Amino acid sequence: MSNKDTLFYRGNTSVSVDFSASEISSDGSLILLKKIERKHKLIKKFSDFLPDLRDSRFITYSREVQLKQRVFMVNNTG
């Protein structure tokens, strides 16, 4: 019995999830989270509400990039 579902395609490659537990990875949710973020831009919308009081001369990463990294990191460790 197969419980495999294709999430999306990248060119000629399909990205699938398999719930048979023969191969387990904690990174599977990151693929889904990134796809949801790409479609709905929720992190971008939240980052627009965060004040950025940093000196712009020293900014390397935007609030959006910082928030995205934090959300993905928390998801991967939890």
C-alpha atoms as a PDB file:
ATOM      1  CA  MET A   1       0.000   0.000   0.000  1.00  0.00           C
ATOM      2  CA  SER A   2       1.376   3.403  -0.963  1.00  0.00           C
ATOM      3  CA  ASN A   3       0.571   6.632   0.813  1.00  0.00           C
ATOM      4  CA  LYS A   4       2.647   8.815  -1.493  1.00  0.00           C
ATOM      5  CA  ASP A   5       1.371  12.210  -2.620  1.00  0.00           C
ATOM      6  CA  THR A   6       2.996  14.598  -5.083  1.00  0.00           C
ATOM      7  CA  LEU A   7       3.105  18.142  -3.716  1.00  0.00           C
ATOM      8  CA  PHE A   8       4.390  19.960  -6.791  1.00  0.00           C
ATOM      9  CA  TYR A   9       6.728  19.732  -9.760  1.00  0.00           C
ATOM     10  CA  ARG A  10      10.032  21.529 -10.382  1.00  0.00           C
ATOM     11  CA  GLY A  11      10.763  21.181 -14.054  1.00  0.00           C
ATOM     12  CA  ASN A  12      10.892  17.437 -14.710  1.00  0.00           C
ATOM     13  CA  THR A  13      11.243  16.542 -11.014  1.00  0.00           C
ATOM     14  CA  SER A  14       8.302  15.849  -8.753  1.00  0.00           C
ATOM     15  CA  VAL A  15       8.436  16.624  -5.044  1.00  0.00           C
ATOM     16  CA  SER A  16       6.473  14.012  -3.116  1.00  0.00           C
ATOM     17  CA  VAL A  17       5.733  13.043   0.457  1.00  0.00           C
ATOM     18  CA  ASP A  18       5.507   9.447   1.553  1.00  0.00           C
ATOM     19  CA  PHE A  19       3.730   8.524   4.784  1.00  0.00           C
ATOM     20  CA  SER A  20       4.799   4.878   4.856  1.00  0.00           C
ATOM     21  CA  ALA A  21       7.537   5.690   7.453  1.00  0.00           C
ATOM     22  CA  SER A  22      10.143   3.594   5.648  1.00  0.00           C
ATOM     23  CA  GLU A  23      12.311   6.702   5.366  1.00  0.00           C
ATOM     24  CA  ILE A  24      11.733   9.413   7.948  1.00  0.00           C
ATOM     25  CA  SER A  25      13.036  12.977   7.716  1.00  0.00           C
ATOM     26  CA  SER A  26      12.275  15.965   9.897  1.00  0.00           C
ATOM     27  CA  ASP A  27      12.879  18.315   6.933  1.00  0.00           C
ATOM     28  CA  GLY A  28       9.700  17.392   5.047  1.00  0.00           C
ATOM     29  CA  SER A  29       7.652  20.090   6.695  1.00  0.00           C
ATOM     30  CA  LEU A  30      10.115  22.740   5.503  1.00  0.00           C
ATOM     31  CA  ILE A  31       9.242  22.003   1.890  1.00  0.00           C
ATOM     32  CA  LEU A  32       5.547  22.407   2.601  1.00  0.00           C
ATOM     33  CA  LEU A  33       6.107  25.534   4.714  1.00  0.00           C
ATOM     34  CA  LYS A  34       8.205  27.139   1.967  1.00  0.00           C
ATOM     35  CA  LYS A  35       5.545  26.364  -0.631  1.00  0.00           C
ATOM     36  CA  ILE A  36       2.832  27.899   1.566  1.00  0.00           C
ATOM     37  CA  GLU A  37       4.998  30.982   2.172  1.00  0.00           C
ATOM     38  CA  ARG A  38       5.692  31.374  -1.543  1.00  0.00           C
ATOM     39  CA  LYS A  39       1.971  31.300  -2.316  1.00  0.00           C
ATOM     40  CA  HIS A  40       0.512  33.366   0.536  1.00  0.00           C
ATOM     41  CA  LYS A  41       3.461  35.592   1.591  1.00  0.00           C
ATOM     42  CA  LEU A  42       2.408  35.465   5.267  1.00  0.00           C
ATOM     43  CA  ILE A  43       5.915  36.108   6.593  1.00  0.00           C
ATOM     44  CA  LYS A  44       6.241  39.112   4.284  1.00  0.00           C
ATOM     45  CA  LYS A  45       2.936  40.505   5.588  1.00  0.00           C
ATOM     46  CA  PHE A  46       3.978  40.025   9.223  1.00  0.00           C
ATOM     47  CA  SER A  47       7.401  41.555   8.632  1.00  0.00           C
ATOM     48  CA  ASP A  48       5.752  44.739   7.336  1.00  0.00           C
ATOM     49  CA  PHE A  49       4.350  45.313  10.838  1.00  0.00           C
ATOM     50  CA  LEU A  50       7.692  44.925  12.650  1.00  0.00           C
ATOM     51  CA  PRO A  51       9.425  48.232  13.257  1.00  0.00           C
ATOM     52  CA  ASP A  52      13.016  48.387  12.064  1.00  0.00           C
ATOM     53  CA  LEU A  53      14.924  50.890  14.184  1.00  0.00           C
ATOM     54  CA  ARG A  54      18.351  49.735  13.010  1.00  0.00           C
ATOM     55  CA  ASP A  55      20.807  52.094  11.346  1.00  0.00           C
ATOM     56  CA  SER A  56      20.298  51.446   7.609  1.00  0.00           C
ATOM     57  CA  ARG A  57      24.058  51.735   6.973  1.00  0.00           C
ATOM     58  CA  PHE A  58      24.612  48.510   8.895  1.00  0.00           C
ATOM     59  CA  ILE A  59      21.659  46.432   7.686  1.00  0.00           C
ATOM     60  CA  THR A  60      22.570  43.258   5.849  1.00  0.00           C
ATOM     61  CA  TYR A  61      19.307  41.317   6.175  1.00  0.00           C
ATOM     62  CA  SER A  62      15.787  42.708   5.979  1.00  0.00           C
ATOM     63  CA  ARG A  63      13.211  42.055   8.673  1.00  0.00           C
ATOM     64  CA  GLU A  64      11.472  39.685   6.248  1.00  0.00           C
ATOM     65  CA  VAL A  65      14.618  37.589   5.776  1.00  0.00           C
ATOM     66  CA  GLN A  66      15.262  37.533   9.533  1.00  0.00           C
ATOM     67  CA  LEU A  67      11.705  36.471  10.308  1.00  0.00           C
ATOM     68  CA  LYS A  68      11.701  33.812   7.585  1.00  0.00           C
ATOM     69  CA  GLN A  69      14.944  32.335   8.917  1.00  0.00           C
ATOM     70  CA  ARG A  70      13.545  32.273  12.450  1.00  0.00           C
ATOM     71  CA  VAL A  71      10.230  30.677  11.445  1.00  0.00           C
ATOM     72  CA  PHE A  72      11.944  27.990   9.375  1.00  0.00           C
ATOM     73  CA  MET A  73      14.497  27.333  12.137  1.00  0.00           C
ATOM     74  CA  VAL A  74      11.826  26.956  14.841  1.00  0.00           C
ATOM     75  CA  ASN A  75       9.829  24.634  12.588  1.00  0.00           C
ATOM     76  CA  ASN A  76      12.884  22.457  11.953  1.00  0.00           C
ATOM     77  CA  THR A  77      13.855  22.116  15.632  1.00  0.00           C
ATOM     78  CA  GLY A  78      10.351  21.514  16.967  1.00  0.00           C
END
